[in-house]
């Protein structure tokens, strides 16, 4: 009796689509979540670049009082609508670039270390008229799906966030 039941079970094709679904569905969901994570990263990068460009426009045309680091960060975060807790996780670096030597600061943009609540040392020097200025921004963002697909493959810091960096240059109006 057990042999006939086993033989009948082996020959039966009932449930074969369920097995196929169980095997394929996690792969499809992982690809979907990775695509969504990648799209969100692209939007956040584009919005940060746009926000920095709009902020640079106002910095370039501002005459009179020089803005503070907090004011510039607030302005960038105001234009960046898709990054949560932007003001808590953004570093703005403003550095004059000497034109004859054209020496740039080191290539690594400092970022917030949320795991230790440490804000790295970075420069913020307001420029004068006709001076070439380099402005760089780094925001630490949490992945939407940290344990699957692209979210798992991202290089993350100790707090589990990844860094979005951008830079721009401008010459201040006299």
Protein backbone atom coordinates (compact mmCIF):
# COMPACT_ATOMS: atom_id res chain seq x y z
CA UNK A 1 0.00 0.00 0.00
CA UNK A 2 2.76 2.45 0.85
CA UNK A 3 4.52 1.60 -2.42
CA UNK A 4 1.41 2.30 -4.45
CA UNK A 5 0.87 5.61 -2.67
CA UNK A 6 4.52 6.59 -3.24
CA UNK A 7 4.30 5.60 -6.93
CA UNK A 8 1.07 7.56 -7.37
CA UNK A 9 2.60 10.58 -5.57
CA UNK A 10 5.69 10.47 -7.83
CA UNK A 11 3.59 10.37 -11.01
CA UNK A 12 1.19 13.12 -9.95
CA UNK A 13 1.77 16.56 -11.46
CA UNK A 14 -0.51 18.37 -9.04
CA UNK A 15 1.33 21.22 -7.32
CA UNK A 16 4.11 21.47 -9.91
CA UNK A 17 3.27 25.10 -10.59
CA UNK A 18 3.47 25.79 -6.85
CA UNK A 19 7.03 24.46 -6.73
CA UNK A 20 7.96 26.61 -9.71
CA UNK A 21 6.41 29.65 -8.04
CA UNK A 22 8.24 29.00 -4.76
CA UNK A 23 11.56 28.80 -6.62
CA UNK A 24 11.11 31.79 -8.96
CA UNK A 25 9.13 34.26 -6.81
CA UNK A 26 11.98 35.19 -4.40
CA UNK A 27 14.27 35.86 -7.35
CA UNK A 28 11.73 38.12 -9.03
CA UNK A 29 11.04 40.01 -5.79
CA UNK A 30 14.78 40.45 -5.16
CA UNK A 31 15.28 41.88 -8.65
CA UNK A 32 12.28 44.17 -8.19
CA UNK A 33 13.52 45.43 -4.82
CA UNK A 34 17.02 46.00 -6.24
CA UNK A 35 15.59 47.99 -9.14
CA UNK A 36 13.51 50.08 -6.73
CA UNK A 37 16.54 50.67 -4.48
CA UNK A 38 18.66 51.68 -7.50
CA UNK A 39 15.97 54.06 -8.74
CA UNK A 40 15.68 55.66 -5.31
CA UNK A 41 19.47 56.07 -5.10
CA UNK A 42 19.50 57.72 -8.53
CA UNK A 43 16.72 60.13 -7.56
CA UNK A 44 18.47 61.01 -4.29
CA UNK A 45 21.77 61.63 -6.12
CA UNK A 46 20.09 63.77 -8.77
CA UNK A 47 18.15 65.80 -6.20
CA UNK A 48 21.28 66.38 -4.11
CA UNK A 49 23.16 67.59 -7.20
CA UNK A 50 20.25 69.87 -8.16
CA UNK A 51 20.00 71.23 -4.62
CA UNK A 52 23.72 71.95 -4.53
CA UNK A 53 23.51 73.72 -7.92
CA UNK A 54 20.61 75.89 -6.75
CA UNK A 55 22.47 76.69 -3.54
CA UNK A 56 25.60 77.56 -5.52
CA UNK A 57 23.55 79.95 -7.63
CA UNK A 58 22.42 81.82 -4.53
CA UNK A 59 25.95 81.72 -3.02
CA UNK A 60 27.47 83.08 -6.20
CA UNK A 61 25.04 85.96 -6.40
CA UNK A 62 24.94 86.76 -2.70
CA UNK A 63 26.61 90.00 -1.85
CA UNK A 64 27.02 91.32 1.65
CA UNK A 65 27.02 88.88 4.55
CA UNK A 66 28.70 85.52 4.15
CA UNK A 67 26.48 82.53 4.94
CA UNK A 68 27.35 80.07 7.69
CA UNK A 69 27.78 76.32 7.26
CA UNK A 70 24.39 75.72 8.90
CA UNK A 71 22.67 78.18 6.56
CA UNK A 72 24.18 76.54 3.47
CA UNK A 73 23.27 73.06 4.73
CA UNK A 74 19.71 74.21 5.46
CA UNK A 75 19.43 75.67 1.96
CA UNK A 76 20.66 72.44 0.33
CA UNK A 77 18.26 70.40 2.45
CA UNK A 78 15.40 72.75 1.59
CA UNK A 79 15.91 71.99 -2.11
CA UNK A 80 16.44 68.26 -1.50
CA UNK A 81 13.01 66.84 -0.75
CA UNK A 82 13.72 63.11 -1.02
CA UNK A 83 16.36 62.72 1.70
CA UNK A 84 15.00 62.18 5.20
CA UNK A 85 16.81 63.86 8.12
CA UNK A 86 18.96 65.74 5.64
CA UNK A 87 20.23 68.38 8.05
CA UNK A 88 21.34 65.74 10.56
CA UNK A 89 23.27 63.68 8.02
CA UNK A 90 24.82 66.24 5.66
CA UNK A 91 28.31 67.70 5.60
CA UNK A 92 28.99 70.79 3.49
CA UNK A 93 32.58 71.69 2.69
CA UNK A 94 33.39 75.06 1.12
CA UNK A 95 36.99 75.57 0.08
CA UNK A 96 38.76 78.27 -1.95
CA UNK A 97 40.82 76.89 -4.83
CA UNK A 98 44.04 78.82 -5.57
CA UNK A 99 43.86 79.53 -9.29
CA UNK A 100 47.56 79.68 -10.26
CA UNK A 101 48.40 76.37 -8.55
CA UNK A 102 44.91 74.91 -8.93
CA UNK A 103 45.47 72.55 -6.02
CA UNK A 104 42.29 70.76 -5.03
CA UNK A 105 41.61 69.42 -1.55
CA UNK A 106 41.92 65.69 -1.01
CA UNK A 107 39.57 63.58 -3.11
CA UNK A 108 37.70 62.07 -0.18
CA UNK A 109 34.67 64.11 0.85
CA UNK A 110 34.11 63.92 4.63
CA UNK A 111 30.82 62.38 5.74
CA UNK A 112 28.91 62.19 9.00
CA UNK A 113 29.68 59.17 11.17
CA UNK A 114 26.22 58.47 12.58
CA UNK A 115 27.40 55.45 14.56
CA UNK A 116 29.64 57.59 16.77
CA UNK A 117 27.86 60.95 16.45
CA UNK A 118 31.13 62.41 15.16
CA UNK A 119 31.25 65.23 12.67
CA UNK A 120 34.55 65.03 10.77
CA UNK A 121 36.83 68.02 10.43
CA UNK A 122 36.16 69.88 7.24
CA UNK A 123 36.74 73.33 5.94
CA UNK A 124 34.18 76.03 5.46
CA UNK A 125 35.76 79.20 4.19
CA UNK A 126 33.64 81.84 2.52
CA UNK A 127 35.21 83.26 -0.57
CA UNK A 128 35.64 86.81 -1.73
CA UNK A 129 34.72 88.29 -5.09
CA UNK A 130 36.28 86.66 -8.17
CA UNK A 131 37.61 83.71 -6.14
CA UNK A 132 37.18 80.15 -7.37
CA UNK A 133 35.33 78.11 -4.73
CA UNK A 134 34.76 74.37 -4.48
CA UNK A 135 31.69 73.19 -2.59
CA UNK A 136 31.20 69.54 -1.75
CA UNK A 137 28.37 67.76 0.00
CA UNK A 138 28.03 64.30 1.49
CA UNK A 139 24.80 62.84 2.84
CA UNK A 140 24.44 59.50 4.60
CA UNK A 141 21.22 57.73 3.60
CA UNK A 142 19.70 54.47 4.82
CA UNK A 143 18.90 51.85 2.18
CA UNK A 144 15.22 51.07 1.73
CA UNK A 145 15.78 47.29 1.59
CA UNK A 146 19.08 46.75 3.43
CA UNK A 147 18.96 42.95 3.54
CA UNK A 148 18.11 42.13 -0.09
CA UNK A 149 19.63 42.64 -3.51
CA UNK A 150 21.30 45.99 -4.09
CA UNK A 151 20.75 47.12 -0.50
CA UNK A 152 22.81 44.15 0.67
CA UNK A 153 25.59 44.80 -1.88
CA UNK A 154 26.02 48.52 -1.08
CA UNK A 155 29.10 49.68 0.78
CA UNK A 156 27.70 50.91 4.07
CA UNK A 157 29.16 52.67 7.09
CA UNK A 158 28.94 51.47 10.69
CA UNK A 159 25.41 52.86 11.08
CA UNK A 160 24.14 50.93 8.04
CA UNK A 161 23.85 53.93 5.69
CA UNK A 162 25.50 54.59 2.35
CA UNK A 163 27.03 57.86 1.23
CA UNK A 164 25.84 60.13 -1.55
CA UNK A 165 28.45 62.68 -2.58
CA UNK A 166 28.46 65.58 -5.00
CA UNK A 167 30.55 68.65 -5.74
CA UNK A 168 30.34 71.91 -7.63
CA UNK A 169 32.52 74.93 -8.25
CA UNK A 170 31.74 78.60 -8.71
CA UNK A 171 33.34 82.00 -8.86
CA UNK A 172 31.81 84.57 -6.54
CA UNK A 173 30.50 87.81 -7.99
CA UNK A 174 32.60 90.87 -7.11
